[in-house]
Amino acid sequence: MTIYQGIGGFRYRSTQATLAELGWCFKTKEVTIRVGSEYRDYTHIYYMRVFPIELSVYPYDEIRVTQRSSTDGKPIVRLKASALERLIAEEHSREWELYLATGEISGLELFKGEALPR
């Protein structure tokens, strides 16, 4: 997931604060990525519980820049919200239907509370 600073109130610090308020235990790491002819540092937030999640936080003014993965160097694939919803519906149909019907997210309690190993 990529969260751009400045969209919907999401910013580096507020992203971390939001995750902390949710009770998620996570680690952060500054990752240096080559952008054109220069190198830039970006924040990655790592969370491991039910499955691994990596949040990459980029400045809002780089929203149109196709970032490259710090793992394999390939362009990061972006999805519009509607495409992400279709993907979730295809891969997790029962849970998605529950969410649409009740607003509940099945298993969300599994994301809370347990500290990450240091």
Protein backbone atom coordinates (compact mmCIF):
# COMPACT_ATOMS: atom_id res chain seq x y z
CA MET A 1 0.00 0.00 0.00
CA THR A 2 1.26 3.45 -0.78
CA ILE A 3 0.08 6.44 1.25
CA TYR A 4 0.95 9.87 -0.10
CA GLN A 5 1.55 12.66 2.36
CA GLY A 6 -1.19 15.24 2.21
CA ILE A 7 -4.07 13.09 0.91
CA GLY A 8 -7.04 12.84 3.23
CA GLY A 9 -4.98 14.10 6.14
CA PHE A 10 -2.48 11.25 5.85
CA ARG A 11 1.03 12.37 6.61
CA TYR A 12 4.05 10.50 7.86
CA ARG A 13 3.43 11.31 11.51
CA SER A 14 -0.34 11.03 11.35
CA THR A 15 -0.02 7.69 9.56
CA GLN A 16 2.10 6.36 12.42
CA ALA A 17 -0.25 7.92 14.99
CA THR A 18 -3.27 6.35 13.31
CA LEU A 19 -1.67 2.90 13.31
CA ALA A 20 -0.66 3.32 16.95
CA GLU A 21 -4.23 4.36 17.86
CA LEU A 22 -5.45 1.16 16.16
CA GLY A 23 -3.15 -0.77 18.46
CA TRP A 24 -0.91 -1.98 15.63
CA CYS A 25 2.72 -2.67 16.55
CA PHE A 26 4.99 -1.76 13.68
CA LYS A 27 8.52 -0.80 12.72
CA THR A 28 9.66 2.03 10.49
CA LYS A 29 12.67 2.25 8.25
CA GLU A 30 14.09 4.98 6.04
CA VAL A 31 14.74 3.47 2.62
CA THR A 32 16.93 5.14 0.00
CA ILE A 33 15.55 4.88 -3.53
CA ARG A 34 17.02 6.15 -6.76
CA VAL A 35 14.71 8.64 -8.48
CA GLY A 36 16.12 9.63 -11.86
CA SER A 37 19.68 10.73 -11.28
CA GLU A 38 19.38 11.30 -7.54
CA TYR A 39 18.74 9.28 -4.39
CA ARG A 40 15.92 10.06 -1.97
CA ASP A 41 14.94 8.71 1.43
CA TYR A 42 11.40 7.47 1.96
CA THR A 43 9.69 6.03 5.01
CA HIS A 44 8.49 2.44 4.98
CA ILE A 45 6.27 1.13 7.75
CA TYR A 46 6.36 -2.63 8.37
CA TYR A 47 3.65 -4.58 10.13
CA MET A 48 3.57 -8.36 10.55
CA ARG A 49 0.70 -10.20 12.16
CA VAL A 50 -1.85 -12.12 10.11
CA PHE A 51 0.12 -11.36 6.92
CA PRO A 52 2.93 -8.91 6.15
CA ILE A 53 2.04 -5.33 5.31
CA GLU A 54 4.48 -2.70 4.05
CA LEU A 55 3.30 0.89 3.82
CA SER A 56 5.43 3.24 1.76
CA VAL A 57 4.97 6.95 2.47
CA TYR A 58 5.77 9.37 -0.37
CA PRO A 59 5.43 13.16 -0.56
CA TYR A 60 2.18 14.35 -2.12
CA ASP A 61 4.02 16.28 -4.84
CA GLU A 62 5.37 12.95 -6.14
CA ILE A 63 1.91 11.45 -6.69
CA ARG A 64 2.41 11.38 -10.48
CA VAL A 65 5.90 9.88 -10.26
CA THR A 66 6.04 6.15 -10.94
CA GLN A 67 8.07 4.96 -7.98
CA ARG A 68 10.26 1.88 -8.21
CA SER A 69 10.23 -0.91 -5.70
CA SER A 70 13.10 -0.84 -3.24
CA THR A 71 13.01 -4.65 -3.34
CA ASP A 72 13.26 -5.46 -7.04
CA GLY A 73 13.63 -2.08 -8.75
CA LYS A 74 10.51 -2.60 -10.86
CA PRO A 75 7.83 0.10 -11.13
CA ILE A 76 5.29 -0.09 -8.33
CA VAL A 77 1.88 -1.15 -9.62
CA ARG A 78 -0.89 1.23 -8.63
CA LEU A 79 -4.56 0.43 -8.37
CA LYS A 80 -7.51 2.76 -8.30
CA ALA A 81 -9.84 2.25 -5.35
CA SER A 82 -12.41 0.51 -7.57
CA ALA A 83 -9.80 -1.97 -8.87
CA LEU A 84 -8.62 -2.66 -5.31
CA GLU A 85 -12.21 -3.28 -4.22
CA ARG A 86 -12.68 -5.75 -7.11
CA LEU A 87 -9.46 -7.54 -6.13
CA ILE A 88 -10.56 -7.79 -2.50
CA ALA A 89 -14.01 -9.03 -3.58
CA GLU A 90 -12.43 -11.70 -5.78
CA GLU A 91 -9.87 -12.92 -3.24
CA HIS A 92 -11.92 -12.49 -0.04
CA SER A 93 -15.54 -12.63 -1.17
CA ARG A 94 -17.09 -13.79 2.11
CA GLU A 95 -15.25 -11.19 4.19
CA TRP A 96 -16.00 -8.44 1.64
CA GLU A 97 -19.72 -9.24 1.69
CA LEU A 98 -19.68 -9.12 5.51
CA TYR A 99 -17.96 -5.73 5.40
CA LEU A 100 -20.47 -4.34 2.88
CA ALA A 101 -23.43 -5.65 4.88
CA THR A 102 -22.29 -4.74 8.41
CA GLY A 103 -19.22 -2.53 8.22
CA GLU A 104 -17.33 -5.18 10.23
CA ILE A 105 -13.93 -6.42 9.20
CA SER A 106 -13.62 -10.09 10.04
CA GLY A 107 -10.46 -10.88 12.01
CA LEU A 108 -9.48 -7.24 12.60
CA GLU A 109 -8.89 -8.04 16.27
CA LEU A 110 -5.95 -10.22 15.17
CA PHE A 111 -4.08 -7.08 14.11
CA LYS A 112 -4.02 -5.58 17.57
CA GLY A 113 -1.80 -5.81 20.55
CA GLU A 114 1.11 -8.14 19.97
CA ALA A 115 4.52 -6.49 19.86
CA LEU A 116 6.88 -7.11 17.00
CA PRO A 117 10.20 -8.77 17.74
CA ARG A 118 12.97 -6.21 17.95
